[in-house]
All heavy atoms as atom14 arrays in JSON, in Angstrom:
{
  "sequence": "AKVPAIESALGTRPGAVRVESDPSHAGRCTMRVLA",
  "atom14_mask": [
    [1, 1, 1, 1, 1, 0, 0, 0, 0, 0, 0, 0, 0, 0],
    [1, 1, 1, 1, 1, 1, 1, 1, 1, 0, 0, 0, 0, 0],
    [1, 1, 1, 1, 1, 1, 1, 0, 0, 0, 0, 0, 0, 0],
    [1, 1, 1, 1, 1, 1, 1, 0, 0, 0, 0, 0, 0, 0],
    [1, 1, 1, 1, 1, 0, 0, 0, 0, 0, 0, 0, 0, 0],
    [1, 1, 1, 1, 1, 1, 1, 1, 0, 0, 0, 0, 0, 0],
    [1, 1, 1, 1, 1, 1, 1, 1, 1, 0, 0, 0, 0, 0],
    [1, 1, 1, 1, 1, 1, 0, 0, 0, 0, 0, 0, 0, 0],
    [1, 1, 1, 1, 1, 0, 0, 0, 0, 0, 0, 0, 0, 0],
    [1, 1, 1, 1, 1, 1, 1, 1, 0, 0, 0, 0, 0, 0],
    [1, 1, 1, 1, 0, 0, 0, 0, 0, 0, 0, 0, 0, 0],
    [1, 1, 1, 1, 1, 1, 1, 0, 0, 0, 0, 0, 0, 0],
    [1, 1, 1, 1, 1, 1, 1, 1, 1, 1, 1, 0, 0, 0],
    [1, 1, 1, 1, 1, 1, 1, 0, 0, 0, 0, 0, 0, 0],
    [1, 1, 1, 1, 0, 0, 0, 0, 0, 0, 0, 0, 0, 0],
    [1, 1, 1, 1, 1, 0, 0, 0, 0, 0, 0, 0, 0, 0],
    [1, 1, 1, 1, 1, 1, 1, 0, 0, 0, 0, 0, 0, 0],
    [1, 1, 1, 1, 1, 1, 1, 1, 1, 1, 1, 0, 0, 0],
    [1, 1, 1, 1, 1, 1, 1, 0, 0, 0, 0, 0, 0, 0],
    [1, 1, 1, 1, 1, 1, 1, 1, 1, 0, 0, 0, 0, 0],
    [1, 1, 1, 1, 1, 1, 0, 0, 0, 0, 0, 0, 0, 0],
    [1, 1, 1, 1, 1, 1, 1, 1, 0, 0, 0, 0, 0, 0],
    [1, 1, 1, 1, 1, 1, 1, 0, 0, 0, 0, 0, 0, 0],
    [1, 1, 1, 1, 1, 1, 0, 0, 0, 0, 0, 0, 0, 0],
    [1, 1, 1, 1, 1, 1, 1, 1, 1, 1, 0, 0, 0, 0],
    [1, 1, 1, 1, 1, 0, 0, 0, 0, 0, 0, 0, 0, 0],
    [1, 1, 1, 1, 0, 0, 0, 0, 0, 0, 0, 0, 0, 0],
    [1, 1, 1, 1, 1, 1, 1, 1, 1, 1, 1, 0, 0, 0],
    [1, 1, 1, 1, 1, 1, 0, 0, 0, 0, 0, 0, 0, 0],
    [1, 1, 1, 1, 1, 1, 1, 0, 0, 0, 0, 0, 0, 0],
    [1, 1, 1, 1, 1, 1, 1, 1, 0, 0, 0, 0, 0, 0],
    [1, 1, 1, 1, 1, 1, 1, 1, 1, 1, 1, 0, 0, 0],
    [1, 1, 1, 1, 1, 1, 1, 0, 0, 0, 0, 0, 0, 0],
    [1, 1, 1, 1, 1, 1, 1, 1, 0, 0, 0, 0, 0, 0],
    [1, 1, 1, 1, 1, 0, 0, 0, 0, 0, 0, 0, 0, 0]
  ],
  "atom14_positions": [
    [[0.88, -1.17, 0.02], [-0.02, 0.03, -0.02], [0.89, 1.31, 0.02], [0.4, 2.32, -0.42], [-0.91, -0.09, 1.2], [0.0, 0.0, 0.0], [0.0, 0.0, 0.0], [0.0, 0.0, 0.0], [0.0, 0.0, 0.0], [0.0, 0.0, 0.0], [0.0, 0.0, 0.0], [0.0, 0.0, 0.0], [0.0, 0.0, 0.0], [0.0, 0.0, 0.0]],
    [[2.07, 1.12, 0.44], [3.0, 2.31, 0.45], [3.96, 2.41, -0.63], [4.82, 3.25, -0.64], [3.84, 2.26, 1.87], [2.98, 2.31, 3.1], [2.29, 3.6, 3.34], [1.59, 3.74, 4.67], [0.88, 4.96, 4.82], [0.0, 0.0, 0.0], [0.0, 0.0, 0.0], [0.0, 0.0, 0.0], [0.0, 0.0, 0.0], [0.0, 0.0, 0.0]],
    [[3.8, 1.61, -1.69], [4.7, 1.58, -2.84], [4.81, 3.02, -3.46], [5.94, 3.46, -3.68], [4.25, 0.51, -3.85], [4.95, 0.75, -5.26], [4.63, -0.84, -3.38], [0.0, 0.0, 0.0], [0.0, 0.0, 0.0], [0.0, 0.0, 0.0], [0.0, 0.0, 0.0], [0.0, 0.0, 0.0], [0.0, 0.0, 0.0], [0.0, 0.0, 0.0]],
    [[3.71, 3.76, -3.72], [3.84, 5.12, -4.26], [4.78, 5.97, -3.32], [5.56, 6.81, -3.87], [2.42, 5.62, -4.43], [1.65, 4.39, -4.59], [2.3, 3.39, -3.61], [0.0, 0.0, 0.0], [0.0, 0.0, 0.0], [0.0, 0.0, 0.0], [0.0, 0.0, 0.0], [0.0, 0.0, 0.0], [0.0, 0.0, 0.0], [0.0, 0.0, 0.0]],
    [[4.49, 5.85, -2.06], [5.32, 6.65, -1.09], [6.74, 6.26, -1.09], [7.62, 7.11, -1.01], [4.66, 6.59, 0.38], [0.0, 0.0, 0.0], [0.0, 0.0, 0.0], [0.0, 0.0, 0.0], [0.0, 0.0, 0.0], [0.0, 0.0, 0.0], [0.0, 0.0, 0.0], [0.0, 0.0, 0.0], [0.0, 0.0, 0.0], [0.0, 0.0, 0.0]],
    [[7.07, 4.97, -1.26], [8.37, 4.45, -1.3], [9.11, 5.03, -2.6], [10.24, 5.43, -2.45], [8.45, 2.93, -1.29], [7.95, 2.43, 0.09], [9.87, 2.47, -1.58], [7.81, 0.86, 0.02], [0.0, 0.0, 0.0], [0.0, 0.0, 0.0], [0.0, 0.0, 0.0], [0.0, 0.0, 0.0], [0.0, 0.0, 0.0], [0.0, 0.0, 0.0]],
    [[8.35, 4.97, -3.73], [8.93, 5.48, -4.96], [9.25, 7.0, -4.78], [10.32, 7.52, -5.31], [8.02, 5.26, -6.07], [7.87, 3.88, -6.43], [6.7, 3.53, -7.43], [5.85, 4.47, -7.58], [6.64, 2.47, -8.02], [0.0, 0.0, 0.0], [0.0, 0.0, 0.0], [0.0, 0.0, 0.0], [0.0, 0.0, 0.0], [0.0, 0.0, 0.0]],
    [[8.4, 7.75, -4.11], [8.64, 9.24, -3.96], [9.85, 9.38, -3.04], [10.67, 10.23, -3.26], [7.44, 9.83, -3.31], [7.64, 11.18, -2.95], [0.0, 0.0, 0.0], [0.0, 0.0, 0.0], [0.0, 0.0, 0.0], [0.0, 0.0, 0.0], [0.0, 0.0, 0.0], [0.0, 0.0, 0.0], [0.0, 0.0, 0.0], [0.0, 0.0, 0.0]],
    [[9.92, 8.57, -1.91], [11.06, 8.72, -0.96], [12.39, 8.41, -1.61], [13.42, 9.07, -1.33], [10.81, 7.91, 0.25], [0.0, 0.0, 0.0], [0.0, 0.0, 0.0], [0.0, 0.0, 0.0], [0.0, 0.0, 0.0], [0.0, 0.0, 0.0], [0.0, 0.0, 0.0], [0.0, 0.0, 0.0], [0.0, 0.0, 0.0], [0.0, 0.0, 0.0]],
    [[12.47, 7.41, -2.45], [13.68, 6.99, -3.08], [14.01, 7.76, -4.34], [15.08, 7.66, -4.84], [13.58, 5.41, -3.51], [13.44, 4.51, -2.27], [13.32, 3.06, -2.9], [14.58, 4.62, -1.3], [0.0, 0.0, 0.0], [0.0, 0.0, 0.0], [0.0, 0.0, 0.0], [0.0, 0.0, 0.0], [0.0, 0.0, 0.0], [0.0, 0.0, 0.0]],
    [[13.07, 8.55, -4.76], [13.31, 9.38, -6.0], [13.36, 8.56, -7.25], [14.03, 8.94, -8.18], [0.0, 0.0, 0.0], [0.0, 0.0, 0.0], [0.0, 0.0, 0.0], [0.0, 0.0, 0.0], [0.0, 0.0, 0.0], [0.0, 0.0, 0.0], [0.0, 0.0, 0.0], [0.0, 0.0, 0.0], [0.0, 0.0, 0.0], [0.0, 0.0, 0.0]],
    [[12.57, 7.49, -7.36], [12.61, 6.67, -8.62], [11.46, 7.18, -9.5], [10.67, 7.95, -9.12], [12.38, 5.21, -8.22], [11.03, 5.05, -7.71], [13.44, 4.74, -7.25], [0.0, 0.0, 0.0], [0.0, 0.0, 0.0], [0.0, 0.0, 0.0], [0.0, 0.0, 0.0], [0.0, 0.0, 0.0], [0.0, 0.0, 0.0], [0.0, 0.0, 0.0]],
    [[11.41, 6.6, -10.66], [10.29, 6.76, -11.58], [9.09, 6.07, -11.1], [9.22, 5.03, -10.34], [10.63, 6.36, -13.0], [11.0, 4.88, -13.06], [11.44, 4.48, -14.51], [11.79, 3.01, -14.57], [10.99, 2.06, -14.52], [9.66, 2.23, -14.6], [11.49, 0.8, -14.55], [0.0, 0.0, 0.0], [0.0, 0.0, 0.0], [0.0, 0.0, 0.0]],
    [[7.84, 6.46, -11.46], [6.69, 5.74, -11.09], [6.65, 4.36, -11.64], [6.97, 4.12, -12.79], [5.5, 6.56, -11.64], [6.08, 8.01, -11.81], [7.54, 7.78, -12.18], [0.0, 0.0, 0.0], [0.0, 0.0, 0.0], [0.0, 0.0, 0.0], [0.0, 0.0, 0.0], [0.0, 0.0, 0.0], [0.0, 0.0, 0.0], [0.0, 0.0, 0.0]],
    [[6.33, 3.39, -10.79], [6.28, 2.06, -11.25], [7.61, 1.32, -11.11], [7.67, 0.16, -11.65], [0.0, 0.0, 0.0], [0.0, 0.0, 0.0], [0.0, 0.0, 0.0], [0.0, 0.0, 0.0], [0.0, 0.0, 0.0], [0.0, 0.0, 0.0], [0.0, 0.0, 0.0], [0.0, 0.0, 0.0], [0.0, 0.0, 0.0], [0.0, 0.0, 0.0]],
    [[8.59, 1.8, -10.51], [9.91, 1.26, -10.5], [10.08, 0.25, -9.2], [10.99, -0.47, -9.26], [11.05, 2.28, -10.34], [0.0, 0.0, 0.0], [0.0, 0.0, 0.0], [0.0, 0.0, 0.0], [0.0, 0.0, 0.0], [0.0, 0.0, 0.0], [0.0, 0.0, 0.0], [0.0, 0.0, 0.0], [0.0, 0.0, 0.0], [0.0, 0.0, 0.0]],
    [[9.19, 0.29, -8.31], [9.34, -0.5, -7.16], [8.31, -1.72, -7.12], [7.26, -1.62, -7.46], [9.04, 0.34, -5.86], [9.1, -0.56, -4.58], [10.04, 1.48, -5.68], [0.0, 0.0, 0.0], [0.0, 0.0, 0.0], [0.0, 0.0, 0.0], [0.0, 0.0, 0.0], [0.0, 0.0, 0.0], [0.0, 0.0, 0.0], [0.0, 0.0, 0.0]],
    [[8.92, -2.94, -6.81], [8.16, -4.16, -6.75], [8.34, -4.66, -5.41], [9.41, -4.7, -4.81], [8.72, -5.2, -7.79], [9.02, -4.64, -9.16], [7.72, -4.6, -9.92], [8.13, -4.25, -11.37], [8.06, -3.01, -11.82], [7.75, -2.05, -11.03], [8.36, -2.86, -13.15], [0.0, 0.0, 0.0], [0.0, 0.0, 0.0], [0.0, 0.0, 0.0]],
    [[7.3, -5.28, -4.79], [7.33, -5.84, -3.46], [6.82, -7.29, -3.62], [5.63, -7.48, -4.17], [6.49, -5.0, -2.52], [6.45, -5.71, -1.14], [7.04, -3.62, -2.37], [0.0, 0.0, 0.0], [0.0, 0.0, 0.0], [0.0, 0.0, 0.0], [0.0, 0.0, 0.0], [0.0, 0.0, 0.0], [0.0, 0.0, 0.0], [0.0, 0.0, 0.0]],
    [[7.53, -8.24, -3.04], [7.15, -9.63, -3.05], [7.25, -10.18, -1.65], [8.13, -9.88, -0.93], [7.99, -10.49, -3.99], [7.89, -10.16, -5.46], [8.82, -11.03, -6.33], [9.21, -12.02, -5.82], [8.98, -10.63, -7.51], [0.0, 0.0, 0.0], [0.0, 0.0, 0.0], [0.0, 0.0, 0.0], [0.0, 0.0, 0.0], [0.0, 0.0, 0.0]],
    [[6.28, -10.95, -1.19], [6.28, -11.57, 0.08], [7.25, -12.68, 0.19], [7.64, -13.24, -0.78], [4.93, -12.06, 0.55], [4.48, -13.07, -0.4], [0.0, 0.0, 0.0], [0.0, 0.0, 0.0], [0.0, 0.0, 0.0], [0.0, 0.0, 0.0], [0.0, 0.0, 0.0], [0.0, 0.0, 0.0], [0.0, 0.0, 0.0], [0.0, 0.0, 0.0]],
    [[7.72, -12.96, 1.39], [8.64, -14.02, 1.68], [7.81, -15.23, 2.12], [7.05, -15.23, 3.11], [9.59, -13.72, 2.83], [10.67, -14.75, 3.03], [10.44, -15.95, 2.51], [11.76, -14.43, 3.59], [0.0, 0.0, 0.0], [0.0, 0.0, 0.0], [0.0, 0.0, 0.0], [0.0, 0.0, 0.0], [0.0, 0.0, 0.0], [0.0, 0.0, 0.0]],
    [[7.76, -16.32, 1.3], [6.86, -17.51, 1.62], [7.18, -18.1, 2.92], [6.38, -18.74, 3.54], [7.1, -18.43, 0.45], [7.75, -17.68, -0.63], [8.5, -16.53, 0.06], [0.0, 0.0, 0.0], [0.0, 0.0, 0.0], [0.0, 0.0, 0.0], [0.0, 0.0, 0.0], [0.0, 0.0, 0.0], [0.0, 0.0, 0.0], [0.0, 0.0, 0.0]],
    [[8.43, -17.92, 3.46], [8.85, -18.6, 4.7], [8.65, -17.76, 5.93], [8.75, -18.22, 7.06], [10.29, -18.98, 4.65], [11.19, -17.88, 4.55], [0.0, 0.0, 0.0], [0.0, 0.0, 0.0], [0.0, 0.0, 0.0], [0.0, 0.0, 0.0], [0.0, 0.0, 0.0], [0.0, 0.0, 0.0], [0.0, 0.0, 0.0], [0.0, 0.0, 0.0]],
    [[8.26, -16.42, 5.83], [8.16, -15.63, 6.92], [7.2, -14.42, 6.58], [7.45, -13.69, 5.71], [9.62, -15.0, 7.34], [9.61, -14.48, 8.74], [8.92, -13.32, 9.12], [10.26, -14.98, 9.89], [9.18, -13.06, 10.44], [9.95, -14.1, 10.89], [0.0, 0.0, 0.0], [0.0, 0.0, 0.0], [0.0, 0.0, 0.0], [0.0, 0.0, 0.0]],
    [[6.15, -14.28, 7.43], [5.22, -13.21, 7.13], [5.67, -11.85, 7.42], [5.14, -10.86, 6.95], [3.91, -13.5, 7.92], [0.0, 0.0, 0.0], [0.0, 0.0, 0.0], [0.0, 0.0, 0.0], [0.0, 0.0, 0.0], [0.0, 0.0, 0.0], [0.0, 0.0, 0.0], [0.0, 0.0, 0.0], [0.0, 0.0, 0.0], [0.0, 0.0, 0.0]],
    [[6.76, -11.83, 8.25], [7.3, -10.49, 8.61], [8.48, -9.98, 7.74], [9.17, -8.99, 8.14], [0.0, 0.0, 0.0], [0.0, 0.0, 0.0], [0.0, 0.0, 0.0], [0.0, 0.0, 0.0], [0.0, 0.0, 0.0], [0.0, 0.0, 0.0], [0.0, 0.0, 0.0], [0.0, 0.0, 0.0], [0.0, 0.0, 0.0], [0.0, 0.0, 0.0]],
    [[8.65, -10.67, 6.6], [9.83, -10.3, 5.71], [9.22, -10.16, 4.35], [8.27, -10.87, 3.95], [10.93, -11.31, 5.76], [11.74, -11.32, 7.02], [13.08, -11.92, 6.85], [12.94, -13.34, 6.46], [13.2, -14.35, 7.31], [13.52, -14.02, 8.52], [13.04, -15.55, 6.87], [0.0, 0.0, 0.0], [0.0, 0.0, 0.0], [0.0, 0.0, 0.0]],
    [[9.86, -9.39, 3.54], [9.53, -9.16, 2.06], [10.75, -8.81, 1.3], [11.77, -8.32, 1.85], [8.37, -8.23, 1.9], [8.81, -6.53, 2.36], [0.0, 0.0, 0.0], [0.0, 0.0, 0.0], [0.0, 0.0, 0.0], [0.0, 0.0, 0.0], [0.0, 0.0, 0.0], [0.0, 0.0, 0.0], [0.0, 0.0, 0.0], [0.0, 0.0, 0.0]],
    [[10.65, -8.87, -0.04], [11.71, -8.5, -0.94], [11.24, -7.26, -1.66], [10.18, -7.32, -2.27], [12.03, -9.65, -1.86], [12.51, -10.8, -1.2], [13.18, -9.2, -2.88], [0.0, 0.0, 0.0], [0.0, 0.0, 0.0], [0.0, 0.0, 0.0], [0.0, 0.0, 0.0], [0.0, 0.0, 0.0], [0.0, 0.0, 0.0], [0.0, 0.0, 0.0]],
    [[11.98, -6.23, -1.71], [11.68, -5.02, -2.31], [12.74, -4.92, -3.48], [13.88, -4.89, -3.28], [11.73, -3.82, -1.47], [11.42, -2.46, -2.2], [11.5, -1.01, -1.11], [13.23, -0.9, -0.71], [0.0, 0.0, 0.0], [0.0, 0.0, 0.0], [0.0, 0.0, 0.0], [0.0, 0.0, 0.0], [0.0, 0.0, 0.0], [0.0, 0.0, 0.0]],
    [[12.19, -4.8, -4.78], [13.07, -4.6, -5.92], [12.89, -3.23, -6.47], [11.74, -2.82, -6.72], [12.79, -5.71, -6.91], [13.67, -5.69, -8.16], [13.41, -6.94, -9.03], [14.19, -6.94, -10.18], [15.39, -7.18, -10.33], [16.19, -7.52, -9.29], [16.03, -7.19, -11.51], [0.0, 0.0, 0.0], [0.0, 0.0, 0.0], [0.0, 0.0, 0.0]],
    [[13.95, -2.55, -6.8], [13.89, -1.24, -7.34], [14.54, -1.23, -8.71], [15.76, -1.58, -8.75], [14.56, -0.08, -6.44], [14.62, 1.21, -7.02], [13.94, -0.21, -5.07], [0.0, 0.0, 0.0], [0.0, 0.0, 0.0], [0.0, 0.0, 0.0], [0.0, 0.0, 0.0], [0.0, 0.0, 0.0], [0.0, 0.0, 0.0], [0.0, 0.0, 0.0]],
    [[13.9, -0.92, -9.77], [14.43, -0.98, -11.11], [14.83, 0.38, -11.6], [14.0, 1.32, -11.67], [13.37, -1.55, -12.08], [12.98, -3.02, -11.85], [11.8, -3.41, -12.82], [14.14, -3.98, -11.94], [0.0, 0.0, 0.0], [0.0, 0.0, 0.0], [0.0, 0.0, 0.0], [0.0, 0.0, 0.0], [0.0, 0.0, 0.0], [0.0, 0.0, 0.0]],
    [[16.12, 0.54, -11.83], [16.62, 1.78, -12.42], [16.26, 1.86, -13.86], [16.13, 2.97, -14.48], [18.15, 2.02, -12.14], [0.0, 0.0, 0.0], [0.0, 0.0, 0.0], [0.0, 0.0, 0.0], [0.0, 0.0, 0.0], [0.0, 0.0, 0.0], [0.0, 0.0, 0.0], [0.0, 0.0, 0.0], [0.0, 0.0, 0.0], [0.0, 0.0, 0.0]]
  ]
}
């Protein structure tokens, strides 16, 4: 839900941030930033 805010904070282009959950842990995730 915070992906647009993350893109703004990191100064990336819109749509550059991807978030994937960690199947083994509900409290972890992978954030991918595409330059």
